Amino acid sequence: MRRSIGGLLAVLATFVCIVGCAGDGSGGLPDAQLMIRNAGYATKSISSAHLVVTADGSVPGLSIQRLDADISRESSPAASAGSAVTNLGTIDFIESDGVLFVKGPSGKYTPAPAGVALPSPAAMLDPERGISQLFSTLEAPTTLAKTELDGVAAFELRGNVPQTTLAAILPDAASGAEFTVWLRVRAPHVPLRTILTFPAGGALEFVVSDVNKPVSIAPPT
């Protein structure tokens, strides 16, 4: 009987360790590699979201200060609609069927002229070349802390993204970047906030919200 009780206690201790180390409860900080892998899977499964991208300082290969867009992957290719603050002013846009349309003075959307270059919000959530791929190649990830973002419990992690991966969303990126991400504690571990910090001092922030909520993006007529 004593051996049975001892064996049962050992099993329970192992179970408690597994639950605590997973990071969803009140245990210690979770393994960074495990969280990053789960975040990659969760990001690939996003079918729609609201994305805000903000640049602080000079970011290589980026011509905007802020981008605010709804994204839907219900269609193929994915679609997006929103606005971007650039050196030319604020540009309203719709991304549909792989074509970027911008709103002109008449209020009508037409294909963007050659001088207008905006990053593709749809590409940023693309499962093969978007933010999810940053997780798959993240170097030396570390879990830093458990915190809150807008009332949502999150784990803060940090690592480094190589230039070759970063070029998928920033084609003119000449270097890698430090990658700091806040992942939702409860599964699915989607990224709530991501910051890329570049060697020259510029930073790029991604904030994802309204994950998988219905989004309707009509193509321009």
N, C-alpha and C. Protein backbone atom coordinates (compact mmCIF):
# COMPACT_ATOMS: atom_id res chain seq x y z
N MET A 1 0.83 -1.21 0.00
CA MET A 1 0.00 0.00 0.00
C MET A 1 0.87 1.25 0.00
N ARG A 2 1.95 1.22 0.83
CA ARG A 2 2.82 2.39 0.87
C ARG A 2 3.45 2.66 -0.49
N ARG A 3 3.84 1.55 -1.16
CA ARG A 3 4.43 1.72 -2.49
C ARG A 3 3.42 2.31 -3.46
N SER A 4 2.16 1.88 -3.35
CA SER A 4 1.12 2.39 -4.24
C SER A 4 0.90 3.87 -4.01
N ILE A 5 0.85 4.26 -2.71
CA ILE A 5 0.66 5.67 -2.39
C ILE A 5 1.85 6.49 -2.89
N GLY A 6 3.06 5.95 -2.70
CA GLY A 6 4.25 6.66 -3.16
C GLY A 6 4.24 6.84 -4.66
N GLY A 7 3.83 5.78 -5.39
CA GLY A 7 3.76 5.88 -6.83
C GLY A 7 2.73 6.89 -7.28
N LEU A 8 1.59 6.92 -6.58
CA LEU A 8 0.53 7.87 -6.92
C LEU A 8 1.00 9.29 -6.70
N LEU A 9 1.71 9.52 -5.59
CA LEU A 9 2.22 10.87 -5.30
C LEU A 9 3.22 11.30 -6.37
N ALA A 10 4.04 10.37 -6.83
CA ALA A 10 5.02 10.70 -7.87
C ALA A 10 4.32 11.11 -9.16
N VAL A 11 3.26 10.37 -9.51
CA VAL A 11 2.49 10.70 -10.71
C VAL A 11 1.85 12.07 -10.58
N LEU A 12 1.27 12.34 -9.40
CA LEU A 12 0.63 13.63 -9.17
C LEU A 12 1.64 14.76 -9.25
N ALA A 13 2.83 14.53 -8.69
CA ALA A 13 3.86 15.57 -8.73
C ALA A 13 4.26 15.87 -10.16
N THR A 14 4.39 14.81 -10.97
CA THR A 14 4.73 15.01 -12.38
C THR A 14 3.64 15.78 -13.10
N PHE A 15 2.38 15.44 -12.81
CA PHE A 15 1.24 16.12 -13.44
C PHE A 15 1.23 17.60 -13.08
N VAL A 16 1.47 17.91 -11.80
CA VAL A 16 1.48 19.31 -11.36
C VAL A 16 2.58 20.07 -12.07
N CYS A 17 3.75 19.43 -12.23
CA CYS A 17 4.85 20.09 -12.92
C CYS A 17 4.49 20.39 -14.36
N ILE A 18 3.86 19.41 -15.03
CA ILE A 18 3.48 19.63 -16.43
C ILE A 18 2.50 20.78 -16.56
N VAL A 19 1.48 20.82 -15.70
CA VAL A 19 0.48 21.88 -15.76
C VAL A 19 1.11 23.22 -15.44
N GLY A 20 1.93 23.27 -14.39
CA GLY A 20 2.54 24.53 -14.00
C GLY A 20 3.50 25.05 -15.05
N CYS A 21 4.31 24.15 -15.65
CA CYS A 21 5.29 24.57 -16.62
C CYS A 21 4.66 24.98 -17.94
N ALA A 22 3.43 24.56 -18.17
CA ALA A 22 2.76 24.94 -19.41
C ALA A 22 2.47 26.42 -19.44
N GLY A 23 2.33 27.05 -18.29
CA GLY A 23 2.20 28.49 -18.23
C GLY A 23 0.79 29.01 -18.32
N ASP A 24 -0.22 28.16 -18.42
CA ASP A 24 -1.59 28.64 -18.53
C ASP A 24 -2.20 28.91 -17.16
N GLY A 25 -1.61 28.40 -16.13
CA GLY A 25 -2.18 28.59 -14.80
C GLY A 25 -1.34 29.55 -13.99
N SER A 26 -1.15 29.22 -12.73
CA SER A 26 -0.42 30.11 -11.85
C SER A 26 1.01 29.65 -11.65
N GLY A 27 1.49 28.70 -12.50
CA GLY A 27 2.84 28.19 -12.36
C GLY A 27 3.87 29.18 -12.85
N GLY A 28 5.13 28.68 -13.00
CA GLY A 28 6.21 29.55 -13.44
C GLY A 28 6.10 29.92 -14.90
N LEU A 29 7.12 30.63 -15.38
CA LEU A 29 7.14 31.05 -16.78
C LEU A 29 7.33 29.84 -17.68
N PRO A 30 6.64 29.80 -18.81
CA PRO A 30 6.70 28.63 -19.69
C PRO A 30 7.98 28.60 -20.51
N ASP A 31 8.26 27.44 -21.06
CA ASP A 31 9.40 27.28 -21.95
C ASP A 31 9.21 28.14 -23.20
N ALA A 32 10.22 28.94 -23.53
CA ALA A 32 10.10 29.88 -24.64
C ALA A 32 9.92 29.17 -25.98
N GLN A 33 10.67 28.10 -26.20
CA GLN A 33 10.57 27.38 -27.47
C GLN A 33 9.17 26.83 -27.67
N LEU A 34 8.58 26.29 -26.59
CA LEU A 34 7.23 25.74 -26.68
C LEU A 34 6.22 26.84 -26.99
N MET A 35 6.33 27.98 -26.31
CA MET A 35 5.40 29.08 -26.53
C MET A 35 5.52 29.63 -27.96
N ILE A 36 6.75 29.76 -28.44
CA ILE A 36 6.97 30.27 -29.79
C ILE A 36 6.39 29.33 -30.83
N ARG A 37 6.57 28.03 -30.62
CA ARG A 37 6.01 27.05 -31.55
C ARG A 37 4.48 27.12 -31.55
N ASN A 38 3.89 27.21 -30.36
CA ASN A 38 2.43 27.32 -30.26
C ASN A 38 1.92 28.62 -30.89
N ALA A 39 2.68 29.70 -30.71
CA ALA A 39 2.28 30.99 -31.29
C ALA A 39 2.30 30.93 -32.81
N GLY A 40 3.29 30.23 -33.37
CA GLY A 40 3.35 30.08 -34.82
C GLY A 40 2.13 29.35 -35.35
N TYR A 41 1.74 28.27 -34.67
CA TYR A 41 0.54 27.53 -35.08
C TYR A 41 -0.70 28.41 -34.96
N ALA A 42 -0.81 29.14 -33.83
CA ALA A 42 -1.99 29.98 -33.60
C ALA A 42 -2.10 31.09 -34.64
N THR A 43 -0.96 31.69 -35.00
CA THR A 43 -0.98 32.77 -35.98
C THR A 43 -1.36 32.27 -37.36
N LYS A 44 -0.90 31.08 -37.71
CA LYS A 44 -1.25 30.50 -39.01
C LYS A 44 -2.75 30.23 -39.12
N SER A 45 -3.41 30.01 -37.98
CA SER A 45 -4.83 29.67 -38.00
C SER A 45 -5.75 30.89 -38.00
N ILE A 46 -5.19 32.09 -37.91
CA ILE A 46 -6.01 33.30 -37.90
C ILE A 46 -6.69 33.47 -39.25
N SER A 47 -8.01 33.59 -39.25
CA SER A 47 -8.75 33.77 -40.50
C SER A 47 -9.12 35.22 -40.75
N SER A 48 -9.15 36.03 -39.68
CA SER A 48 -9.43 37.46 -39.82
C SER A 48 -8.91 38.17 -38.58
N ALA A 49 -8.62 39.45 -38.73
CA ALA A 49 -8.10 40.21 -37.59
C ALA A 49 -8.05 41.68 -37.95
N HIS A 50 -7.85 42.49 -36.91
CA HIS A 50 -7.57 43.92 -37.10
C HIS A 50 -6.09 44.11 -36.77
N LEU A 51 -5.37 44.79 -37.64
CA LEU A 51 -3.93 44.96 -37.48
C LEU A 51 -3.57 46.44 -37.50
N VAL A 52 -2.79 46.85 -36.51
CA VAL A 52 -2.25 48.21 -36.48
C VAL A 52 -0.72 48.10 -36.48
N VAL A 53 -0.10 48.74 -37.45
CA VAL A 53 1.36 48.75 -37.57
C VAL A 53 1.84 50.18 -37.37
N THR A 54 2.78 50.38 -36.46
CA THR A 54 3.29 51.72 -36.16
C THR A 54 4.80 51.72 -36.23
N ALA A 55 5.36 52.67 -36.96
CA ALA A 55 6.81 52.81 -37.07
C ALA A 55 7.29 53.91 -36.15
N ASP A 56 8.40 53.65 -35.46
CA ASP A 56 9.03 54.63 -34.58
C ASP A 56 10.46 54.82 -35.07
N GLY A 57 10.74 55.99 -35.63
CA GLY A 57 12.06 56.20 -36.21
C GLY A 57 12.13 55.63 -37.62
N SER A 58 13.34 55.48 -38.11
CA SER A 58 13.54 55.00 -39.47
C SER A 58 13.58 53.48 -39.50
N VAL A 59 12.65 52.89 -40.26
CA VAL A 59 12.59 51.44 -40.41
C VAL A 59 12.95 51.10 -41.85
N PRO A 60 13.99 50.31 -42.08
CA PRO A 60 14.42 50.02 -43.45
C PRO A 60 13.33 49.33 -44.27
N GLY A 61 13.11 49.86 -45.47
CA GLY A 61 12.15 49.25 -46.37
C GLY A 61 10.71 49.59 -46.09
N LEU A 62 10.46 50.58 -45.22
CA LEU A 62 9.08 50.93 -44.87
C LEU A 62 8.83 52.40 -45.15
N SER A 63 7.74 52.69 -45.86
CA SER A 63 7.44 54.07 -46.26
C SER A 63 6.26 54.65 -45.49
N ILE A 64 5.81 54.00 -44.43
CA ILE A 64 4.65 54.47 -43.68
C ILE A 64 5.04 54.78 -42.24
N GLN A 65 4.22 55.62 -41.60
CA GLN A 65 4.35 55.85 -40.16
C GLN A 65 3.35 55.00 -39.38
N ARG A 66 2.20 54.74 -40.01
CA ARG A 66 1.16 53.96 -39.33
C ARG A 66 0.25 53.32 -40.38
N LEU A 67 -0.17 52.12 -40.08
CA LEU A 67 -1.12 51.42 -40.95
C LEU A 67 -2.17 50.77 -40.06
N ASP A 68 -3.44 50.94 -40.45
CA ASP A 68 -4.57 50.45 -39.65
C ASP A 68 -5.51 49.72 -40.61
N ALA A 69 -5.69 48.40 -40.42
CA ALA A 69 -6.45 47.65 -41.43
C ALA A 69 -7.18 46.45 -40.84
N ASP A 70 -8.31 46.13 -41.47
CA ASP A 70 -8.99 44.85 -41.25
C ASP A 70 -8.47 43.88 -42.30
N ILE A 71 -8.30 42.62 -41.90
CA ILE A 71 -7.78 41.61 -42.81
C ILE A 71 -8.69 40.39 -42.78
N SER A 72 -8.96 39.85 -43.95
CA SER A 72 -9.75 38.62 -44.05
C SER A 72 -9.03 37.63 -44.96
N ARG A 73 -8.88 36.41 -44.47
CA ARG A 73 -8.28 35.35 -45.27
C ARG A 73 -9.34 34.37 -45.78
N GLU A 74 -10.60 34.80 -45.73
CA GLU A 74 -11.69 33.94 -46.21
C GLU A 74 -11.61 33.76 -47.72
N SER A 75 -11.08 34.77 -48.42
CA SER A 75 -10.92 34.67 -49.86
C SER A 75 -9.47 34.31 -50.19
N SER A 76 -9.23 33.96 -51.43
CA SER A 76 -7.87 33.65 -51.86
C SER A 76 -7.58 34.40 -53.16
N PRO A 77 -6.60 35.31 -53.16
CA PRO A 77 -5.76 35.69 -52.03
C PRO A 77 -6.52 36.49 -50.99
N ALA A 78 -5.90 36.67 -49.83
CA ALA A 78 -6.53 37.38 -48.73
C ALA A 78 -6.79 38.84 -49.10
N ALA A 79 -7.71 39.47 -48.36
CA ALA A 79 -8.09 40.85 -48.63
C ALA A 79 -7.88 41.70 -47.38
N SER A 80 -7.71 43.00 -47.59
CA SER A 80 -7.59 43.93 -46.47
C SER A 80 -8.17 45.28 -46.86
N ALA A 81 -8.51 46.06 -45.85
CA ALA A 81 -9.04 47.41 -46.09
C ALA A 81 -8.70 48.27 -44.90
N GLY A 82 -8.25 49.50 -45.17
CA GLY A 82 -7.91 50.38 -44.06
C GLY A 82 -7.28 51.67 -44.55
N SER A 83 -6.37 52.21 -43.74
CA SER A 83 -5.72 53.47 -44.08
C SER A 83 -4.26 53.41 -43.65
N ALA A 84 -3.44 54.23 -44.31
CA ALA A 84 -2.02 54.30 -43.99
C ALA A 84 -1.59 55.75 -43.95
N VAL A 85 -0.79 56.09 -42.96
CA VAL A 85 -0.21 57.43 -42.86
C VAL A 85 1.18 57.38 -43.47
N THR A 86 1.39 58.16 -44.54
CA THR A 86 2.67 58.16 -45.26
C THR A 86 3.19 59.58 -45.38
N ASN A 87 4.34 59.71 -46.05
CA ASN A 87 4.89 61.05 -46.30
C ASN A 87 4.00 61.85 -47.25
N LEU A 88 3.14 61.15 -47.98
CA LEU A 88 2.23 61.82 -48.92
C LEU A 88 0.89 62.17 -48.27
N GLY A 89 0.73 61.83 -47.00
CA GLY A 89 -0.54 62.04 -46.30
C GLY A 89 -1.20 60.72 -45.98
N THR A 90 -2.48 60.79 -45.60
CA THR A 90 -3.22 59.58 -45.27
C THR A 90 -3.85 58.99 -46.53
N ILE A 91 -3.64 57.69 -46.71
CA ILE A 91 -4.14 57.00 -47.89
C ILE A 91 -5.12 55.91 -47.46
N ASP A 92 -6.35 55.98 -47.95
CA ASP A 92 -7.32 54.90 -47.73
C ASP A 92 -7.12 53.86 -48.83
N PHE A 93 -7.17 52.59 -48.46
CA PHE A 93 -6.88 51.56 -49.44
C PHE A 93 -7.75 50.33 -49.25
N ILE A 94 -7.84 49.55 -50.31
CA ILE A 94 -8.45 48.21 -50.28
C ILE A 94 -7.51 47.28 -51.03
N GLU A 95 -7.21 46.16 -50.44
CA GLU A 95 -6.37 45.15 -51.07
C GLU A 95 -7.28 43.98 -51.44
N SER A 96 -7.45 43.75 -52.73
CA SER A 96 -8.39 42.73 -53.18
C SER A 96 -7.84 41.98 -54.38
N ASP A 97 -7.92 40.66 -54.35
CA ASP A 97 -7.47 39.81 -55.45
C ASP A 97 -6.02 40.10 -55.83
N GLY A 98 -5.21 40.42 -54.82
CA GLY A 98 -3.80 40.66 -55.06
C GLY A 98 -3.47 42.03 -55.60
N VAL A 99 -4.45 42.91 -55.70
CA VAL A 99 -4.25 44.26 -56.25
C VAL A 99 -4.53 45.29 -55.16
N LEU A 100 -3.66 46.31 -55.07
CA LEU A 100 -3.85 47.40 -54.12
C LEU A 100 -4.61 48.54 -54.80
N PHE A 101 -5.76 48.90 -54.23
CA PHE A 101 -6.55 50.03 -54.71
C PHE A 101 -6.48 51.15 -53.69
N VAL A 102 -6.36 52.38 -54.16
CA VAL A 102 -6.33 53.54 -53.26
C VAL A 102 -7.47 54.48 -53.61
N LYS A 103 -7.93 55.18 -52.59
CA LYS A 103 -9.07 56.09 -52.75
C LYS A 103 -8.59 57.44 -53.28
N GLY A 104 -9.18 57.87 -54.38
CA GLY A 104 -8.81 59.14 -54.99
C GLY A 104 -9.66 60.29 -54.49
N PRO A 105 -9.41 61.51 -54.97
CA PRO A 105 -10.17 62.70 -54.55
C PRO A 105 -11.67 62.57 -54.79
N SER A 106 -12.05 61.79 -55.80
CA SER A 106 -13.47 61.63 -56.13
C SER A 106 -14.17 60.65 -55.20
N GLY A 107 -13.38 59.96 -54.37
CA GLY A 107 -13.96 58.95 -53.48
C GLY A 107 -13.97 57.56 -54.09
N LYS A 108 -13.50 57.45 -55.33
CA LYS A 108 -13.48 56.15 -56.01
C LYS A 108 -12.13 55.48 -55.80
N TYR A 109 -12.16 54.15 -55.67
CA TYR A 109 -10.93 53.38 -55.52
C TYR A 109 -10.43 52.92 -56.89
N THR A 110 -9.15 53.18 -57.14
CA THR A 110 -8.52 52.77 -58.39
C THR A 110 -7.19 52.10 -58.07
N PRO A 111 -6.65 51.29 -59.00
CA PRO A 111 -5.35 50.66 -58.74
C PRO A 111 -4.30 51.69 -58.37
N ALA A 112 -3.48 51.38 -57.38
CA ALA A 112 -2.48 52.33 -56.90
C ALA A 112 -1.48 52.67 -58.00
N PRO A 113 -1.17 53.96 -58.16
CA PRO A 113 -0.16 54.35 -59.15
C PRO A 113 1.22 53.87 -58.73
N ALA A 114 2.16 53.94 -59.65
CA ALA A 114 3.50 53.40 -59.41
C ALA A 114 4.19 54.07 -58.22
N GLY A 115 3.88 55.33 -57.95
CA GLY A 115 4.55 56.04 -56.87
C GLY A 115 4.05 55.72 -55.48
N VAL A 116 2.99 54.93 -55.38
CA VAL A 116 2.42 54.58 -54.07
C VAL A 116 2.79 53.14 -53.73
N ALA A 117 3.55 52.99 -52.66
CA ALA A 117 3.97 51.65 -52.23
C ALA A 117 3.60 51.47 -50.76
N LEU A 118 2.71 50.54 -50.50
CA LEU A 118 2.30 50.25 -49.13
C LEU A 118 2.60 48.79 -48.81
N PRO A 119 2.99 48.49 -47.58
CA PRO A 119 3.14 47.08 -47.21
C PRO A 119 1.79 46.38 -47.24
N SER A 120 1.79 45.12 -47.56
CA SER A 120 0.55 44.36 -47.68
C SER A 120 0.12 43.81 -46.32
N PRO A 121 -0.99 44.32 -45.74
CA PRO A 121 -1.48 43.75 -44.48
C PRO A 121 -1.82 42.27 -44.62
N ALA A 122 -2.39 41.90 -45.78
CA ALA A 122 -2.75 40.49 -46.00
C ALA A 122 -1.51 39.61 -45.95
N ALA A 123 -0.40 40.09 -46.51
CA ALA A 123 0.84 39.30 -46.49
C ALA A 123 1.37 39.14 -45.07
N MET A 124 1.12 40.11 -44.21
CA MET A 124 1.62 40.03 -42.84
C MET A 124 0.96 38.91 -42.06
N LEU A 125 -0.25 38.51 -42.46
CA LEU A 125 -0.91 37.38 -41.80
C LEU A 125 -0.91 36.13 -42.67
N ASP A 126 -0.16 36.17 -43.75
CA ASP A 126 -0.05 35.00 -44.62
C ASP A 126 0.65 33.88 -43.85
N PRO A 127 0.09 32.67 -43.82
CA PRO A 127 0.68 31.58 -43.03
C PRO A 127 2.05 31.13 -43.53
N GLU A 128 2.36 31.43 -44.79
CA GLU A 128 3.63 30.95 -45.36
C GLU A 128 4.73 32.01 -45.34
N ARG A 129 4.36 33.29 -45.28
CA ARG A 129 5.40 34.32 -45.38
C ARG A 129 5.16 35.52 -44.47
N GLY A 130 4.22 35.40 -43.56
CA GLY A 130 3.90 36.53 -42.70
C GLY A 130 4.52 36.45 -41.31
N ILE A 131 3.83 37.04 -40.34
CA ILE A 131 4.34 37.10 -38.98
C ILE A 131 4.58 35.70 -38.42
N SER A 132 3.76 34.74 -38.81
CA SER A 132 3.92 33.38 -38.29
C SER A 132 5.29 32.81 -38.62
N GLN A 133 5.87 33.22 -39.76
CA GLN A 133 7.19 32.72 -40.13
C GLN A 133 8.30 33.33 -39.29
N LEU A 134 8.04 34.49 -38.70
CA LEU A 134 9.03 35.07 -37.79
C LEU A 134 9.22 34.17 -36.59
N PHE A 135 8.13 33.53 -36.16
CA PHE A 135 8.23 32.61 -35.02
C PHE A 135 9.07 31.38 -35.37
N SER A 136 8.92 30.88 -36.58
CA SER A 136 9.56 29.62 -36.95
C SER A 136 11.08 29.73 -37.03
N THR A 137 11.60 30.95 -37.23
CA THR A 137 13.06 31.12 -37.34
C THR A 137 13.64 31.96 -36.21
N LEU A 138 12.85 32.20 -35.17
CA LEU A 138 13.31 33.04 -34.07
C LEU A 138 14.51 32.41 -33.38
N GLU A 139 15.55 33.21 -33.17
CA GLU A 139 16.78 32.73 -32.57
C GLU A 139 16.86 33.11 -31.09
N ALA A 140 17.30 32.18 -30.26
CA ALA A 140 17.54 32.39 -28.83
C ALA A 140 16.34 33.01 -28.11
N PRO A 141 15.14 32.44 -28.25
CA PRO A 141 13.98 33.01 -27.55
C PRO A 141 14.07 32.81 -26.04
N THR A 142 13.57 33.80 -25.31
CA THR A 142 13.56 33.75 -23.84
C THR A 142 12.23 34.29 -23.34
N THR A 143 11.65 33.63 -22.35
CA THR A 143 10.44 34.15 -21.71
C THR A 143 10.87 35.11 -20.61
N LEU A 144 10.40 36.36 -20.70
CA LEU A 144 10.85 37.40 -19.77
C LEU A 144 9.93 37.59 -18.58
N ALA A 145 8.62 37.59 -18.82
CA ALA A 145 7.70 37.94 -17.73
C ALA A 145 6.27 37.57 -18.10
N LYS A 146 5.43 37.55 -17.08
CA LYS A 146 3.99 37.46 -17.27
C LYS A 146 3.41 38.82 -16.92
N THR A 147 2.58 39.37 -17.81
CA THR A 147 2.06 40.71 -17.62
C THR A 147 0.64 40.79 -18.15
N GLU A 148 0.14 42.00 -18.35
CA GLU A 148 -1.20 42.21 -18.92
C GLU A 148 -1.14 43.25 -20.01
N LEU A 149 -1.93 43.03 -21.06
CA LEU A 149 -2.12 44.01 -22.12
C LEU A 149 -3.60 44.25 -22.29
N ASP A 150 -4.03 45.46 -21.97
CA ASP A 150 -5.46 45.80 -22.07
C ASP A 150 -6.33 44.79 -21.33
N GLY A 151 -5.87 44.37 -20.16
CA GLY A 151 -6.64 43.46 -19.34
C GLY A 151 -6.53 41.99 -19.72
N VAL A 152 -5.70 41.68 -20.71
CA VAL A 152 -5.51 40.29 -21.15
C VAL A 152 -4.16 39.79 -20.64
N ALA A 153 -4.15 38.66 -19.94
CA ALA A 153 -2.90 38.09 -19.44
C ALA A 153 -2.01 37.68 -20.60
N ALA A 154 -0.73 38.02 -20.51
CA ALA A 154 0.19 37.74 -21.62
C ALA A 154 1.57 37.40 -21.09
N PHE A 155 2.29 36.58 -21.86
CA PHE A 155 3.69 36.30 -21.60
C PHE A 155 4.53 37.15 -22.54
N GLU A 156 5.56 37.79 -22.01
CA GLU A 156 6.48 38.58 -22.82
C GLU A 156 7.71 37.73 -23.14
N LEU A 157 8.01 37.61 -24.43
CA LEU A 157 9.16 36.83 -24.88
C LEU A 157 10.04 37.68 -25.79
N ARG A 158 11.31 37.30 -25.88
CA ARG A 158 12.23 38.06 -26.73
C ARG A 158 13.20 37.12 -27.42
N GLY A 159 13.58 37.48 -28.64
CA GLY A 159 14.55 36.72 -29.41
C GLY A 159 15.06 37.59 -30.55
N ASN A 160 15.65 36.96 -31.55
CA ASN A 160 16.18 37.69 -32.70
C ASN A 160 15.68 37.05 -34.00
N VAL A 161 15.30 37.92 -34.94
CA VAL A 161 14.83 37.46 -36.24
C VAL A 161 15.92 37.73 -37.28
N PRO A 162 16.34 36.71 -38.04
CA PRO A 162 17.36 36.93 -39.06
C PRO A 162 16.85 37.74 -40.24
N GLN A 163 17.76 38.38 -40.95
CA GLN A 163 17.39 39.24 -42.08
C GLN A 163 16.65 38.47 -43.16
N THR A 164 17.05 37.24 -43.42
CA THR A 164 16.43 36.47 -44.50
C THR A 164 14.94 36.24 -44.26
N THR A 165 14.56 36.04 -43.00
CA THR A 165 13.14 35.86 -42.68
C THR A 165 12.41 37.18 -42.71
N LEU A 166 13.04 38.22 -42.18
CA LEU A 166 12.41 39.53 -42.11
C LEU A 166 12.11 40.08 -43.50
N ALA A 167 12.92 39.72 -44.47
CA ALA A 167 12.75 40.23 -45.82
C ALA A 167 11.43 39.80 -46.45
N ALA A 168 10.78 38.77 -45.89
CA ALA A 168 9.50 38.32 -46.44
C ALA A 168 8.41 39.36 -46.24
N ILE A 169 8.49 40.13 -45.14
CA ILE A 169 7.48 41.17 -44.91
C ILE A 169 8.05 42.57 -45.10
N LEU A 170 9.40 42.69 -45.07
CA LEU A 170 10.08 43.96 -45.35
C LEU A 170 11.17 43.68 -46.37
N PRO A 171 10.83 43.68 -47.66
CA PRO A 171 11.78 43.26 -48.70
C PRO A 171 13.10 44.01 -48.68
N ASP A 172 13.11 45.27 -48.22
CA ASP A 172 14.34 46.05 -48.23
C ASP A 172 15.11 45.99 -46.92
N ALA A 173 14.71 45.10 -46.03
CA ALA A 173 15.41 44.98 -44.74
C ALA A 173 16.85 44.55 -44.97
N ALA A 174 17.80 45.34 -44.45
CA ALA A 174 19.22 45.05 -44.67
C ALA A 174 19.84 44.31 -43.49
N SER A 175 19.06 44.10 -42.43
CA SER A 175 19.58 43.43 -41.24
C SER A 175 18.46 42.68 -40.55
N GLY A 176 18.83 41.90 -39.56
CA GLY A 176 17.83 41.28 -38.71
C GLY A 176 17.33 42.28 -37.69
N ALA A 177 16.55 41.80 -36.72
CA ALA A 177 16.00 42.70 -35.71
C ALA A 177 15.75 41.94 -34.41
N GLU A 178 15.77 42.69 -33.32
CA GLU A 178 15.35 42.11 -32.04
C GLU A 178 13.83 41.99 -32.05
N PHE A 179 13.33 40.87 -31.59
CA PHE A 179 11.90 40.54 -31.68
C PHE A 179 11.36 40.39 -30.26
N THR A 180 10.44 41.28 -29.88
CA THR A 180 9.77 41.18 -28.58
C THR A 180 8.29 40.97 -28.84
N VAL A 181 7.71 39.96 -28.19
CA VAL A 181 6.31 39.64 -28.45
C VAL A 181 5.59 39.35 -27.15
N TRP A 182 4.32 39.75 -27.10
CA TRP A 182 3.45 39.44 -25.97
C TRP A 182 2.41 38.44 -26.47
N LEU A 183 2.44 37.23 -25.94
CA LEU A 183 1.54 36.16 -26.35
C LEU A 183 0.45 35.96 -25.31
N ARG A 184 -0.77 35.75 -25.78
CA ARG A 184 -1.87 35.50 -24.85
C ARG A 184 -1.57 34.25 -24.04
N VAL A 185 -1.79 34.34 -22.71
CA VAL A 185 -1.50 33.23 -21.82
C VAL A 185 -2.37 32.03 -22.16
N ARG A 186 -3.66 32.26 -22.28
CA ARG A 186 -4.57 31.15 -22.57
C ARG A 186 -4.57 30.83 -24.06
N ALA A 187 -4.57 29.54 -24.34
CA ALA A 187 -4.59 29.11 -25.74
C ALA A 187 -5.87 29.56 -26.44
N PRO A 188 -5.78 29.86 -27.74
CA PRO A 188 -4.58 29.83 -28.57
C PRO A 188 -3.66 31.01 -28.26
N HIS A 189 -2.35 30.77 -28.30
CA HIS A 189 -1.37 31.77 -27.87
C HIS A 189 -1.05 32.76 -29.00
N VAL A 190 -2.05 33.51 -29.42
CA VAL A 190 -1.86 34.47 -30.52
C VAL A 190 -1.04 35.66 -30.03
N PRO A 191 -0.27 36.28 -30.92
CA PRO A 191 0.49 37.47 -30.53
C PRO A 191 -0.43 38.68 -30.38
N LEU A 192 -0.41 39.28 -29.21
CA LEU A 192 -1.21 40.48 -28.97
C LEU A 192 -0.46 41.73 -29.42
N ARG A 193 0.84 41.71 -29.21
CA ARG A 193 1.68 42.86 -29.57
C ARG A 193 3.07 42.34 -29.92
N THR A 194 3.64 42.89 -30.98
CA THR A 194 4.97 42.49 -31.42
C THR A 194 5.77 43.74 -31.76
N ILE A 195 7.02 43.79 -31.32
CA ILE A 195 7.90 44.92 -31.63
C ILE A 195 9.20 44.40 -32.24
N LEU A 196 9.53 44.92 -33.42
CA LEU A 196 10.82 44.65 -34.05
C LEU A 196 11.70 45.87 -33.83
N THR A 197 12.87 45.69 -33.23
CA THR A 197 13.80 46.78 -32.98
C THR A 197 15.05 46.56 -33.82
N PHE A 198 15.39 47.55 -34.66
CA PHE A 198 16.48 47.41 -35.61
C PHE A 198 17.78 47.99 -35.06
N PRO A 199 18.93 47.51 -35.55
CA PRO A 199 20.21 47.98 -35.03
C PRO A 199 20.40 49.49 -35.10
N ALA A 200 19.84 50.13 -36.13
CA ALA A 200 19.99 51.58 -36.27
C ALA A 200 19.11 52.36 -35.31
N GLY A 201 18.21 51.67 -34.59
CA GLY A 201 17.39 52.35 -33.59
C GLY A 201 15.92 52.45 -33.91
N GLY A 202 15.54 52.23 -35.16
CA GLY A 202 14.12 52.27 -35.52
C GLY A 202 13.38 51.06 -34.97
N ALA A 203 12.07 51.19 -34.81
CA ALA A 203 11.26 50.09 -34.29
C ALA A 203 9.94 50.01 -35.04
N LEU A 204 9.41 48.82 -35.14
CA LEU A 204 8.14 48.58 -35.82
C LEU A 204 7.25 47.75 -34.91
N GLU A 205 6.06 48.28 -34.62
CA GLU A 205 5.14 47.62 -33.70
C GLU A 205 3.93 47.08 -34.46
N PHE A 206 3.54 45.83 -34.14
CA PHE A 206 2.34 45.20 -34.68
C PHE A 206 1.40 44.91 -33.52
N VAL A 207 0.15 45.36 -33.62
CA VAL A 207 -0.86 45.04 -32.62
C VAL A 207 -2.01 44.34 -33.32
N VAL A 208 -2.29 43.12 -32.90
CA VAL A 208 -3.34 42.31 -33.51
C VAL A 208 -4.52 42.22 -32.54
N SER A 209 -5.73 42.48 -33.04
CA SER A 209 -6.94 42.39 -32.21
C SER A 209 -8.09 41.83 -33.05
N ASP A 210 -9.23 41.64 -32.40
CA ASP A 210 -10.44 41.13 -33.07
C ASP A 210 -10.14 39.86 -33.88
N VAL A 211 -9.36 38.96 -33.27
CA VAL A 211 -8.95 37.74 -33.97
C VAL A 211 -10.15 36.85 -34.28
N ASN A 212 -10.27 36.47 -35.54
CA ASN A 212 -11.30 35.56 -36.06
C ASN A 212 -12.73 36.10 -35.91
N LYS A 213 -12.87 37.41 -35.70
CA LYS A 213 -14.20 38.00 -35.72
C LYS A 213 -14.61 38.24 -37.18
N PRO A 214 -15.91 38.16 -37.48
CA PRO A 214 -16.36 38.31 -38.87
C PRO A 214 -15.93 39.65 -39.47
N VAL A 215 -15.36 39.60 -40.66
CA VAL A 215 -14.93 40.79 -41.38
C VAL A 215 -15.42 40.67 -42.82
N SER A 216 -16.05 41.72 -43.30
CA SER A 216 -16.53 41.73 -44.69
C SER A 216 -15.79 42.83 -45.45
N ILE A 217 -15.04 42.44 -46.47
CA ILE A 217 -14.29 43.39 -47.28
C ILE A 217 -14.76 43.26 -48.73
N ALA A 218 -15.49 44.25 -49.17
CA ALA A 218 -16.04 44.22 -50.53
C ALA A 218 -14.99 44.75 -51.51
N PRO A 219 -14.81 44.10 -52.64
CA PRO A 219 -13.88 44.62 -53.64
C PRO A 219 -14.39 45.94 -54.20
N PRO A 220 -13.49 46.84 -54.58
CA PRO A 220 -13.92 48.13 -55.11
C PRO A 220 -14.66 47.96 -56.43
N THR A 221 -15.61 48.85 -56.67
CA THR A 221 -16.38 48.79 -57.91
C THR A 221 -16.14 50.04 -58.74
